[in-house]
Each structure stands twice: as C-alpha cells, then as structure tokens.
C-alpha cells in the first residue's frame, strides 16, 4: 500500500518559487501535477521531478511554457 499526498499552500494571488516532486507513479499520481499546480509557479520558478516523469501532465507543462511571457527559463537538467 502506498499513501501519497502533496499540498501547495499558496494563498490567493501568491506564487511559489520551487516544487519538488518525489512520489511513486500510480494511477492516482499519473498526471497529478498539472495546470493548477503549474499556474502557482512564478516566472523563473523551479520544478524538480525526482520521481517518475509521468507525475507531471506534459501537455499542461508545454502549454504553460509556451504561454510564458519570458521564455527560456526551462531547464532539463540531468537529460
């Protein structure tokens, strides 16, 4: 049995500087970090996924990066 939970506690109008994902890939966690979570990241913030890649909704990530006012802040360290 695996129990996974995460919370981004940003109030209205607030953003976060970094998110680190470290959860197992399950049916519940697949794509769980999507548009809502990405919207909380300020421009230039870091998203570090030390878990399975599929935790992040790739389509939502691509849309967020494409709509960025200042592109070029995406890094794929470790690739």
Protein backbone atom coordinates (compact mmCIF):
# COMPACT_ATOMS: atom_id res chain seq x y z
CA UNK A 1 0.00 0.00 0.00
CA UNK A 2 1.23 3.46 -0.87
CA UNK A 3 -0.04 6.74 0.53
CA UNK A 4 0.84 9.89 -1.38
CA UNK A 5 -0.20 13.46 -0.72
CA UNK A 6 1.07 16.89 -1.50
CA UNK A 7 -0.07 20.40 -0.84
CA UNK A 8 0.95 23.69 -2.31
CA UNK A 9 -0.27 26.21 0.21
CA UNK A 10 -0.25 29.42 -1.77
CA UNK A 11 -2.91 31.93 -0.88
CA UNK A 12 -4.88 33.97 -3.41
CA UNK A 13 -2.52 35.82 -5.72
CA UNK A 14 0.56 34.12 -4.26
CA UNK A 15 3.06 32.02 -6.18
CA UNK A 16 5.74 29.53 -5.24
CA UNK A 17 9.45 29.58 -6.08
CA UNK A 18 10.02 25.83 -6.29
CA UNK A 19 8.24 22.48 -6.29
CA UNK A 20 10.00 19.16 -5.78
CA UNK A 21 8.07 16.06 -6.78
CA UNK A 22 9.03 12.76 -5.18
CA UNK A 23 6.16 10.30 -5.30
CA UNK A 24 5.66 6.88 -6.82
CA UNK A 25 3.85 6.55 -10.11
CA UNK A 26 0.38 5.15 -9.52
CA UNK A 27 -2.97 5.54 -11.22
CA UNK A 28 -3.72 8.33 -8.72
CA UNK A 29 -0.46 10.24 -9.23
CA UNK A 30 -0.15 9.93 -13.03
CA UNK A 31 -0.50 13.48 -14.40
CA UNK A 32 -1.40 14.79 -10.95
CA UNK A 33 0.83 17.86 -11.23
CA UNK A 34 -0.97 19.68 -13.99
CA UNK A 35 -2.26 23.09 -14.99
CA UNK A 36 -3.43 24.10 -11.50
CA UNK A 37 -0.05 23.35 -9.92
CA UNK A 38 1.89 24.88 -12.78
CA UNK A 39 -0.17 28.07 -12.54
CA UNK A 40 1.16 28.55 -8.99
CA UNK A 41 4.79 28.66 -10.17
CA UNK A 42 6.09 32.20 -10.58
CA UNK A 43 8.06 33.05 -13.73
CA UNK A 44 11.54 31.61 -13.30
CA UNK A 45 10.44 29.09 -10.64
CA UNK A 46 11.90 25.59 -10.46
CA UNK A 47 10.01 22.35 -10.93
CA UNK A 48 12.21 19.44 -9.85
CA UNK A 49 10.83 16.00 -10.55
CA UNK A 50 12.98 13.36 -8.86
CA UNK A 51 10.21 10.83 -9.31
CA UNK A 52 8.68 9.36 -12.43
CA UNK A 53 8.20 11.77 -15.33
CA UNK A 54 4.55 10.91 -15.73
CA UNK A 55 3.64 12.67 -12.46
CA UNK A 56 3.69 15.90 -14.47
CA UNK A 57 0.96 16.47 -17.04
CA UNK A 58 3.27 17.03 -20.03
CA UNK A 59 0.60 18.70 -22.17
CA UNK A 60 -0.11 21.21 -19.39
CA UNK A 61 3.62 21.82 -18.95
CA UNK A 62 4.09 22.51 -22.67
CA UNK A 63 1.11 24.91 -22.67
CA UNK A 64 2.48 26.75 -19.61
CA UNK A 65 5.94 27.12 -21.12
CA UNK A 66 4.53 28.21 -24.49
CA UNK A 67 2.42 30.90 -22.84
CA UNK A 68 5.31 32.21 -20.73
CA UNK A 69 5.96 35.93 -21.07
CA UNK A 70 9.69 35.38 -20.85
CA UNK A 71 10.52 32.03 -22.43
CA UNK A 72 13.83 30.33 -21.88
CA UNK A 73 13.51 29.59 -18.17
CA UNK A 74 13.03 25.86 -18.64
CA UNK A 75 15.87 23.53 -17.83
CA UNK A 76 16.02 19.81 -18.35
CA UNK A 77 18.94 19.15 -16.03
CA UNK A 78 20.05 15.56 -16.00
CA UNK A 79 18.92 14.80 -19.53
